[in-house]
Amino acid sequence: MIFTENFINLKKEDIVNSLNTDGYFSIESALTAEFIDTIERDVANHRFLTNSNVLSGGYTNSQYFLTIVLIRKFLIFANH
């Protein structure tokens, strides 16, 4: 499971209200610990895969970007 019950049970109206009044929506613990663990393991295993056809994170100067790794996780879970 990707999302916690707390996140799944949110009312759409509460999210919309937060966006309309604050300009953003935030919730702690939206992702399950299990899902976060799989992301952390995947990042460790695919941290920097130069010259390969595998989706991985990327570096710019001293910053590491997880965007591609998160897409990879989405594709894995979407296919199950």
Protein backbone atom coordinates (compact mmCIF):
# COMPACT_ATOMS: atom_id res chain seq x y z
CA MET A 1 0.00 0.00 0.00
CA ILE A 2 1.35 3.42 -0.93
CA PHE A 3 -0.84 5.74 1.17
CA THR A 4 -1.80 5.64 4.84
CA GLU A 5 -5.43 5.30 5.89
CA ASN A 6 -5.20 8.85 7.25
CA PHE A 7 -4.44 10.14 3.75
CA ILE A 8 -6.95 7.90 1.99
CA ASN A 9 -9.77 9.00 4.32
CA LEU A 10 -9.22 12.72 3.73
CA LYS A 11 -12.20 14.60 2.39
CA LYS A 12 -11.67 16.29 -0.97
CA GLU A 13 -13.37 19.39 0.40
CA ASP A 14 -10.69 19.75 3.11
CA ILE A 15 -7.93 19.60 0.48
CA VAL A 16 -9.71 22.11 -1.77
CA ASN A 17 -10.37 24.43 1.17
CA SER A 18 -6.69 24.35 2.16
CA LEU A 19 -5.64 25.10 -1.42
CA ASN A 20 -8.10 27.97 -1.69
CA THR A 21 -7.24 29.57 1.66
CA ASP A 22 -3.53 28.77 2.08
CA GLY A 23 -2.44 28.14 -1.50
CA TYR A 24 -1.08 24.70 -0.62
CA PHE A 25 -2.04 21.42 1.03
CA SER A 26 0.17 19.51 3.44
CA ILE A 27 -0.25 16.31 5.43
CA GLU A 28 2.21 14.42 7.58
CA SER A 29 2.55 10.67 7.14
CA ALA A 30 0.72 10.40 3.82
CA LEU A 31 2.99 7.56 2.66
CA THR A 32 3.24 4.24 4.47
CA ALA A 33 6.53 3.30 6.14
CA GLU A 34 6.70 0.25 3.86
CA PHE A 35 6.52 2.41 0.75
CA ILE A 36 9.16 4.80 2.07
CA ASP A 37 11.43 1.82 2.82
CA THR A 38 11.07 0.59 -0.78
CA ILE A 39 11.97 4.05 -2.09
CA GLU A 40 15.04 4.21 0.16
CA ARG A 41 16.19 0.74 -0.96
CA ASP A 42 15.62 1.61 -4.60
CA VAL A 43 17.61 4.84 -4.26
CA ALA A 44 20.48 2.95 -2.61
CA ASN A 45 20.48 0.37 -5.42
CA HIS A 46 20.09 2.83 -8.30
CA ARG A 47 21.78 5.95 -6.98
CA PHE A 48 23.79 6.82 -10.07
CA LEU A 49 23.55 4.59 -13.12
CA THR A 50 25.49 6.35 -15.83
CA ASN A 51 25.40 4.82 -19.30
CA SER A 52 22.59 2.41 -18.54
CA ASN A 53 18.97 2.21 -19.62
CA VAL A 54 17.64 2.06 -16.06
CA LEU A 55 15.79 4.99 -14.50
CA SER A 56 17.83 6.48 -11.67
CA GLY A 57 18.26 9.69 -9.72
CA GLY A 58 20.51 12.45 -10.93
CA TYR A 59 23.08 14.90 -9.63
CA THR A 60 23.46 18.61 -10.26
CA ASN A 61 26.50 20.03 -8.47
CA SER A 62 25.88 18.90 -4.87
CA GLN A 63 22.11 18.22 -5.14
CA TYR A 64 20.68 14.75 -5.75
CA PHE A 65 17.27 14.59 -7.44
CA LEU A 66 14.87 11.72 -6.77
CA THR A 67 12.30 12.66 -9.42
CA ILE A 68 13.21 9.88 -11.82
CA VAL A 69 13.45 7.35 -8.97
CA LEU A 70 9.93 8.29 -7.83
CA ILE A 71 8.63 7.77 -11.37
CA ARG A 72 10.31 4.37 -11.36
CA LYS A 73 8.53 3.48 -8.09
CA PHE A 74 5.21 4.64 -9.50
CA LEU A 75 5.65 2.44 -12.56
CA ILE A 76 6.52 -0.58 -10.40
CA PHE A 77 3.44 -0.14 -8.17
CA ALA A 78 1.16 0.74 -11.11
CA ASN A 79 1.97 -2.58 -12.75
CA HIS A 80 1.00 -4.65 -9.69
